[in-house]
C-alpha atoms as a PDB file:
ATOM      1  CA  MET A   1     140.226  36.923  78.381  1.00  0.00           C
ATOM      2  CA  ASP A   2     137.710  39.394  79.192  1.00  0.00           C
ATOM      3  CA  VAL A   3     138.190  42.172  80.350  1.00  0.00           C
ATOM      4  CA  PRO A   4     136.381  42.019  83.877  1.00  0.00           C
ATOM      5  CA  THR A   5     138.844  39.166  84.584  1.00  0.00           C
ATOM      6  CA  LEU A   6     141.733  41.424  83.515  1.00  0.00           C
ATOM      7  CA  ILE A   7     140.779  44.243  85.858  1.00  0.00           C
ATOM      8  CA  LEU A   8     140.050  41.468  88.924  1.00  0.00           C
ATOM      9  CA  LEU A   9     143.425  40.316  88.273  1.00  0.00           C
ATOM     10  CA  GLY A  10     145.040  43.129  87.835  1.00  0.00           C
ATOM     11  CA  ALA A  11     143.841  44.547  90.670  1.00  0.00           C
ATOM     12  CA  ALA A  12     145.032  41.505  92.918  1.00  0.00           C
ATOM     13  CA  GLY A  13     148.811  41.894  91.729  1.00  0.00           C
ATOM     14  CA  GLY A  14     148.440  45.730  92.963  1.00  0.00           C
ATOM     15  CA  LEU A  15     147.104  44.425  96.365  1.00  0.00           C
ATOM     16  CA  LEU A  16     149.459  41.890  96.064  1.00  0.00           C
ATOM     17  CA  ARG A  17     152.252  44.302  95.913  1.00  0.00           C
ATOM     18  CA  GLY A  18     150.761  46.256  99.297  1.00  0.00           C
ATOM     19  CA  VAL A  19     150.667  42.744 100.903  1.00  0.00           C
ATOM     20  CA  LEU A  20     154.484  42.285 100.406  1.00  0.00           C
ATOM     21  CA  ASP A  21     155.518  45.641 101.441  1.00  0.00           C
ATOM     22  CA  LEU A  22     153.658  45.256 104.992  1.00  0.00           C
ATOM     23  CA  TYR A  23     154.920  41.585 104.963  1.00  0.00           C
ATOM     24  CA  THR A  24     158.519  43.676 104.793  1.00  0.00           C
ATOM     25  CA  ARG A  25     157.325  46.143 107.740  1.00  0.00           C
ATOM     26  CA  PHE A  26     156.441  43.720 109.864  1.00  0.00           C
ATOM     27  CA  GLY A  27     159.401  41.596 109.510  1.00  0.00           C
ATOM     28  CA  THR A  28     161.766  44.939 109.913  1.00  0.00           C
ATOM     29  CA  TRP A  29     159.704  45.565 112.798  1.00  0.00           C
ATOM     30  CA  GLN A  30     159.863  42.344 114.367  1.00  0.00           C
ATOM     31  CA  ALA A  31     163.227  42.665 113.902  1.00  0.00           C
ATOM     32  CA  ASP A  32     163.948  45.763 115.466  1.00  0.00           C
ATOM     33  CA  ARG A  33     161.678  44.330 118.439  1.00  0.00           C
ATOM     34  CA  ARG A  34     164.163  41.424 118.717  1.00  0.00           C
ATOM     35  CA  LEU A  35     166.933  43.836 119.260  1.00  0.00           C
ATOM     36  CA  HIS A  36     165.395  45.813 121.884  1.00  0.00           C
ATOM     37  CA  ARG A  37     164.967  42.857 123.918  1.00  0.00           C
ATOM     38  CA  GLN A  38     168.008  41.797 123.340  1.00  0.00           C
ATOM     39  CA  LEU A  39     169.598  44.820 124.540  1.00  0.00           C
ATOM     40  CA  SER A  40     167.232  45.505 127.580  1.00  0.00           C
ATOM     41  CA  ALA A  41     168.024  41.961 128.667  1.00  0.00           C
ATOM     42  CA  GLU A  42     172.063  43.234 128.696  1.00  0.00           C
ATOM     43  CA  GLY A  43     170.655  46.392 130.490  1.00  0.00           C
ATOM     44  CA  ALA A  44     171.905  48.510 127.472  1.00  0.00           C
ATOM     45  CA  ALA A  45     168.466  49.270 126.308  1.00  0.00           C
ATOM     46  CA  GLN A  46     166.108  52.544 127.532  1.00  0.00           C
ATOM     47  CA  GLY A  47     162.842  52.862 126.557  1.00  0.00           C
ATOM     48  CA  ASP A  48     159.869  51.354 125.008  1.00  0.00           C
ATOM     49  CA  PRO A  49     159.947  48.354 122.716  1.00  0.00           C
ATOM     50  CA  PRO A  50     159.116  50.028 119.334  1.00  0.00           C
ATOM     51  CA  ARG A  51     155.384  49.836 117.954  1.00  0.00           C
ATOM     52  CA  PHE A  52     154.140  49.066 114.784  1.00  0.00           C
ATOM     53  CA  GLN A  53     152.298  51.796 114.115  1.00  0.00           C
ATOM     54  CA  THR A  54     155.851  53.316 113.697  1.00  0.00           C
ATOM     55  CA  TYR A  55     156.367  51.249 110.488  1.00  0.00           C
ATOM     56  CA  PHE A  56     152.993  51.191 109.249  1.00  0.00           C
ATOM     57  CA  ASP A  57     151.024  54.592 108.923  1.00  0.00           C
ATOM     58  CA  LEU A  58     146.989  53.693 108.130  1.00  0.00           C
ATOM     59  CA  ALA A  59     146.682  56.873 106.778  1.00  0.00           C
ATOM     60  CA  VAL A  60     148.788  56.910 103.613  1.00  0.00           C
ATOM     61  CA  ASP A  61     149.760  52.818 103.594  1.00  0.00           C
ATOM     62  CA  ILE A  62     146.020  52.185 102.819  1.00  0.00           C
ATOM     63  CA  PRO A  63     145.437  54.371 100.316  1.00  0.00           C
ATOM     64  CA  ALA A  64     148.819  53.369  98.698  1.00  0.00           C
ATOM     65  CA  ALA A  65     147.342  49.935  98.248  1.00  0.00           C
ATOM     66  CA  VAL A  66     144.116  51.197  96.349  1.00  0.00           C
ATOM     67  CA  VAL A  67     146.352  53.072  93.892  1.00  0.00           C
ATOM     68  CA  HIS A  68     148.255  49.930  93.533  1.00  0.00           C
ATOM     69  CA  SER A  69     145.267  48.130  92.588  1.00  0.00           C
ATOM     70  CA  LEU A  70     143.482  50.803  90.447  1.00  0.00           C
ATOM     71  CA  MET A  71     147.389  50.821  88.627  1.00  0.00           C
ATOM     72  CA  GLY A  72     147.960  46.935  88.464  1.00  0.00           C
ATOM     73  CA  ALA A  73     143.692  46.941  86.815  1.00  0.00           C
ATOM     74  CA  GLY A  74     144.690  49.632  84.292  1.00  0.00           C
ATOM     75  CA  ALA A  75     147.855  47.995  83.286  1.00  0.00           C
ATOM     76  CA  ALA A  76     146.412  44.707  82.822  1.00  0.00           C
ATOM     77  CA  MET A  77     143.267  45.987  81.097  1.00  0.00           C
ATOM     78  CA  LEU A  78     145.611  48.084  78.550  1.00  0.00           C
ATOM     79  CA  PHE A  79     147.871  45.295  77.868  1.00  0.00           C
ATOM     80  CA  GLY A  80     144.746  42.634  78.233  1.00  0.00           C
ATOM     81  CA  THR A  81     142.811  44.430  75.544  1.00  0.00           C
ATOM     82  CA  THR A  82     145.556  45.555  72.674  1.00  0.00           C
ATOM     83  CA  GLY A  83     146.934  42.261  73.074  1.00  0.00           C
ATOM     84  CA  GLN A  84     150.043  42.413  74.427  1.00  0.00           C
ATOM     85  CA  ILE A  85     149.292  39.799  77.053  1.00  0.00           C
ATOM     86  CA  SER A  86     149.758  36.633  75.396  1.00  0.00           C
ATOM     87  CA  GLY A  87     151.135  33.186  75.473  1.00  0.00           C
ATOM     88  CA  GLU A  88     151.315  30.044  77.550  1.00  0.00           C
ATOM     89  CA  TYR A  89     151.608  32.365  80.540  1.00  0.00           C
ATOM     90  CA  VAL A  90     147.497  33.340  79.636  1.00  0.00           C
ATOM     91  CA  SER A  91     146.326  30.553  77.931  1.00  0.00           C
ATOM     92  CA  PRO A  92     145.517  28.657  80.994  1.00  0.00           C
ATOM     93  CA  LEU A  93     143.157  31.858  81.889  1.00  0.00           C
ATOM     94  CA  VAL A  94     141.456  32.385  78.680  1.00  0.00           C
ATOM     95  CA  ALA A  95     137.952  30.898  78.551  1.00  0.00           C
END
């Protein structure tokens, strides 16, 4: 497999980690909003419902996604160029 392909696949894997984290935080936010609505219907909740900005901090999470993509690209390149990635899992990708 050529190095640019390794870099691209590794970076995509690192980015996928960030997307999974975003999905998890979104699910947590959704559950907390649902709980707030239920408590509001019962008269027990006070204040505004949770805001998404409380669960996702752009100033930190976007650079973290970039770092994870760079780490994934570097790891894939190192593993691929040293022959540590091989076998039937990679063979469909080998040109």
